[in-house]
Amino acid sequence: MFKRVAHVVDVETAGYPDDGPDDVVEVGVTMVEFTETSTSVSKPDSWLVRPVRPITALGKSIHHIVDGDVSGAPPLAAVMQKLVAIVPPADVYVAHNYHTEQRFLPALAEREWICTLKVARHLCPEAKNHKNGFIRYFLGSIDEASAHDRALAHPPHRAGPDSYVTARNLIKLAERMSIDAMVDLTASPPSV
């Protein structure tokens, strides 16, 4: 039986122009399982991460995580050990604008990836923009009548809820393109 498990990841950072892996303040993951007959999505998980530098005012204004929230959090290496332990190498990673997550999570860079930004641009050229939140509404990815589904998608700009929105977008995009085709598109050079 066909089965593919996608691990959708998102990171929030301290907000420096030269942000790197040491500036991650939160990592989120939502798992999506595709089979021949069904698709299921998990609740999002997230972990706060202690960055090396203080969180900037810009970073705080986006995700509202402050230095006190992360002062007792583990460093990124410890969080990555947890994440890698739950994700077998054969599974595919997913992110909206995956180059960002690859840059901040270098331990995952060599894995197979799907970029929902690249896929959405390819499949939905008529969309006014392709930001994760816009694609959510454009595709109707979140059941707006379900308080439970909406609650899992909030607050925006937090790693867990953002990974959930990206996971729901992935499911909608998978109605138009196979997972393998999305992997291939992601790996292809940018079109001119």
Protein backbone atom coordinates (compact mmCIF):
# COMPACT_ATOMS: atom_id res chain seq x y z
CA MET A 1 0.00 0.00 0.00
CA PHE A 2 1.24 3.47 -0.88
CA LYS A 3 2.17 5.61 2.10
CA ARG A 4 4.10 8.86 2.23
CA VAL A 5 4.66 10.86 5.40
CA ALA A 6 5.46 14.55 5.06
CA HIS A 7 6.96 16.48 7.95
CA VAL A 8 6.09 20.14 7.64
CA VAL A 9 8.54 22.40 9.49
CA ASP A 10 8.64 26.07 10.33
CA VAL A 11 11.08 28.21 12.30
CA GLU A 12 10.92 31.58 14.00
CA THR A 13 14.12 33.54 14.55
CA ALA A 14 15.58 36.35 16.62
CA GLY A 15 15.17 38.80 13.74
CA TYR A 16 18.72 39.81 12.82
CA PRO A 17 19.55 40.67 9.19
CA ASP A 18 22.24 37.95 9.33
CA ASP A 19 20.10 35.40 11.22
CA GLY A 20 21.57 31.92 11.23
CA PRO A 21 20.92 28.60 13.00
CA ASP A 22 22.09 30.07 16.33
CA ASP A 23 19.27 32.64 16.12
CA VAL A 24 16.34 30.18 15.93
CA VAL A 25 13.85 30.79 18.76
CA GLU A 26 11.16 28.24 17.86
CA VAL A 27 10.80 25.13 15.70
CA GLY A 28 7.41 23.70 14.72
CA VAL A 29 6.41 20.49 12.94
CA THR A 30 3.15 19.04 11.68
CA MET A 31 3.00 15.57 10.15
CA VAL A 32 0.84 14.66 7.16
CA GLU A 33 0.29 11.04 6.12
CA PHE A 34 -0.81 10.32 2.56
CA THR A 35 -2.10 6.87 1.61
CA GLU A 36 -3.95 5.62 -1.46
CA THR A 37 -7.29 6.16 0.25
CA SER A 38 -6.84 8.90 2.84
CA THR A 39 -4.87 11.84 4.14
CA SER A 40 -4.41 12.66 7.81
CA VAL A 41 -2.77 15.58 9.56
CA SER A 42 -1.42 15.74 13.12
CA LYS A 43 -1.73 18.52 15.62
CA PRO A 44 1.30 20.79 15.38
CA ASP A 45 4.20 20.37 17.81
CA SER A 46 6.63 23.15 18.62
CA TRP A 47 9.68 23.70 20.77
CA LEU A 48 11.11 26.95 22.03
CA VAL A 49 14.84 27.29 21.40
CA ARG A 50 17.41 29.36 23.28
CA PRO A 51 19.20 31.57 20.73
CA VAL A 52 22.77 32.77 21.17
CA ARG A 53 21.78 36.44 20.80
CA PRO A 54 18.88 38.38 22.32
CA ILE A 55 15.67 38.55 20.28
CA THR A 56 15.40 41.84 18.36
CA ALA A 57 12.43 44.16 18.55
CA LEU A 58 11.64 43.20 14.94
CA GLY A 59 11.60 39.50 15.82
CA LYS A 60 9.42 40.10 18.89
CA SER A 61 6.99 42.20 16.83
CA ILE A 62 6.48 39.31 14.39
CA HIS A 63 6.14 36.26 16.65
CA HIS A 64 5.80 37.85 20.12
CA ILE A 65 8.39 35.51 21.64
CA VAL A 66 10.53 37.43 24.14
CA ASP A 67 13.89 36.63 25.73
CA GLY A 68 12.27 35.45 28.97
CA ASP A 69 10.27 32.85 27.03
CA VAL A 70 13.44 31.19 25.71
CA SER A 71 15.89 31.73 28.58
CA GLY A 72 15.37 28.20 29.92
CA ALA A 73 14.80 26.55 26.53
CA PRO A 74 17.26 24.03 25.10
CA PRO A 75 19.68 25.01 22.33
CA LEU A 76 18.83 24.19 18.71
CA ALA A 77 21.05 21.08 18.68
CA ALA A 78 18.94 19.46 21.43
CA VAL A 79 15.68 20.31 19.65
CA MET A 80 17.05 18.97 16.37
CA GLN A 81 17.90 15.65 18.07
CA LYS A 82 14.22 15.34 19.02
CA LEU A 83 13.05 16.31 15.54
CA VAL A 84 15.44 14.02 13.65
CA ALA A 85 14.55 11.14 15.98
CA ILE A 86 10.87 11.32 14.98
CA VAL A 87 11.52 11.74 11.25
CA PRO A 88 13.01 8.81 9.33
CA PRO A 89 15.31 9.82 6.44
CA ALA A 90 12.95 8.34 3.84
CA ASP A 91 10.21 10.85 4.64
CA VAL A 92 9.92 14.21 2.91
CA TYR A 93 10.27 17.58 4.60
CA VAL A 94 8.00 20.45 3.66
CA ALA A 95 8.23 24.19 4.23
CA HIS A 96 6.85 27.34 2.74
CA ASN A 97 9.95 28.91 1.17
CA TYR A 98 12.02 25.88 2.09
CA HIS A 99 15.37 27.61 1.55
CA THR A 100 14.72 29.45 4.83
CA GLU A 101 14.14 26.27 6.83
CA GLN A 102 17.14 24.58 5.18
CA ARG A 103 19.33 27.54 6.15
CA PHE A 104 18.18 27.48 9.78
CA LEU A 105 18.00 23.70 10.11
CA PRO A 106 21.16 22.55 8.32
CA ALA A 107 20.87 19.03 9.79
CA LEU A 108 17.88 18.56 7.45
CA ALA A 109 19.31 20.26 4.35
CA GLU A 110 20.25 17.05 2.54
CA ARG A 111 16.83 15.45 2.96
CA GLU A 112 14.09 15.38 0.32
CA TRP A 113 12.04 18.61 0.38
CA ILE A 114 8.83 20.16 -0.93
CA CYS A 115 8.59 23.94 -1.13
CA THR A 116 4.92 24.90 -0.94
CA LEU A 117 5.80 28.43 -2.09
CA LYS A 118 7.33 27.10 -5.33
CA VAL A 119 4.49 24.62 -5.83
CA ALA A 120 1.81 27.27 -5.19
CA ARG A 121 3.46 29.64 -7.66
CA HIS A 122 3.45 26.83 -10.24
CA LEU A 123 -0.10 25.60 -9.61
CA CYS A 124 -1.80 28.92 -8.76
CA PRO A 125 -0.24 31.59 -11.00
CA GLU A 126 -3.51 33.54 -10.83
CA ALA A 127 -3.17 34.08 -7.06
CA LYS A 128 -2.50 37.73 -6.09
CA ASN A 129 0.41 36.60 -3.91
CA HIS A 130 1.79 33.33 -2.64
CA LYS A 131 2.43 34.02 1.05
CA ASN A 132 1.49 31.12 3.28
CA GLY A 133 -1.48 32.91 4.89
CA PHE A 134 -2.83 34.10 1.54
CA ILE A 135 -2.59 30.62 0.01
CA ARG A 136 -4.48 29.30 3.05
CA TYR A 137 -7.49 31.43 2.11
CA PHE A 138 -7.00 31.18 -1.66
CA LEU A 139 -7.12 27.36 -1.55
CA GLY A 140 -9.56 27.14 1.38
CA SER A 141 -7.03 24.99 3.23
CA ILE A 142 -8.40 25.59 6.73
CA ASP A 143 -12.00 24.68 7.49
CA GLU A 144 -13.19 28.13 8.55
CA ALA A 145 -16.37 26.60 9.97
CA SER A 146 -14.33 24.45 12.35
CA ALA A 147 -13.25 26.20 15.54
CA HIS A 148 -10.80 23.31 16.14
CA ASP A 149 -9.12 23.69 12.72
CA ARG A 150 -8.93 27.48 13.08
CA ALA A 151 -7.49 27.17 16.60
CA LEU A 152 -4.65 24.93 15.35
CA ALA A 153 -3.76 27.63 12.81
CA HIS A 154 -3.40 30.38 15.46
CA PRO A 155 -1.58 32.47 16.39
CA PRO A 156 0.07 33.31 13.07
CA HIS A 157 3.86 33.70 12.95
CA ARG A 158 4.40 30.99 15.54
CA ALA A 159 6.21 27.88 14.34
CA GLY A 160 3.59 25.28 15.33
CA PRO A 161 0.53 27.02 13.85
CA ASP A 162 2.47 28.11 10.75
CA SER A 163 3.58 24.50 10.17
CA TYR A 164 -0.08 23.47 10.48
CA VAL A 165 -1.21 26.03 7.88
CA THR A 166 1.55 24.88 5.54
CA ALA A 167 0.48 21.25 6.10
CA ARG A 168 -3.12 22.09 5.21
CA ASN A 169 -1.88 23.98 2.13
CA LEU A 170 0.18 20.92 1.16
CA ILE A 171 -2.93 18.74 1.34
CA LYS A 172 -4.81 21.09 -1.00
CA LEU A 173 -1.84 21.29 -3.39
CA ALA A 174 -1.61 17.47 -3.38
CA GLU A 175 -5.10 17.40 -4.89
CA ARG A 176 -3.53 18.98 -7.99
CA MET A 177 -0.02 17.42 -8.03
CA SER A 178 1.50 14.26 -6.61
CA ILE A 179 3.97 14.36 -3.72
CA ASP A 180 6.72 12.98 -5.97
CA ALA A 181 6.01 15.64 -8.61
CA MET A 182 6.19 18.34 -5.91
CA VAL A 183 9.57 16.96 -4.77
CA ASP A 184 10.79 17.06 -8.37
CA LEU A 185 9.50 20.60 -8.91
CA THR A 186 11.16 21.77 -5.69
CA ALA A 187 14.49 20.26 -6.77
CA SER A 188 14.29 21.76 -10.26
CA PRO A 189 16.16 24.97 -11.10
CA PRO A 190 14.12 28.17 -10.91
CA SER A 191 12.31 29.01 -14.13
CA VAL A 192 13.34 32.15 -15.95
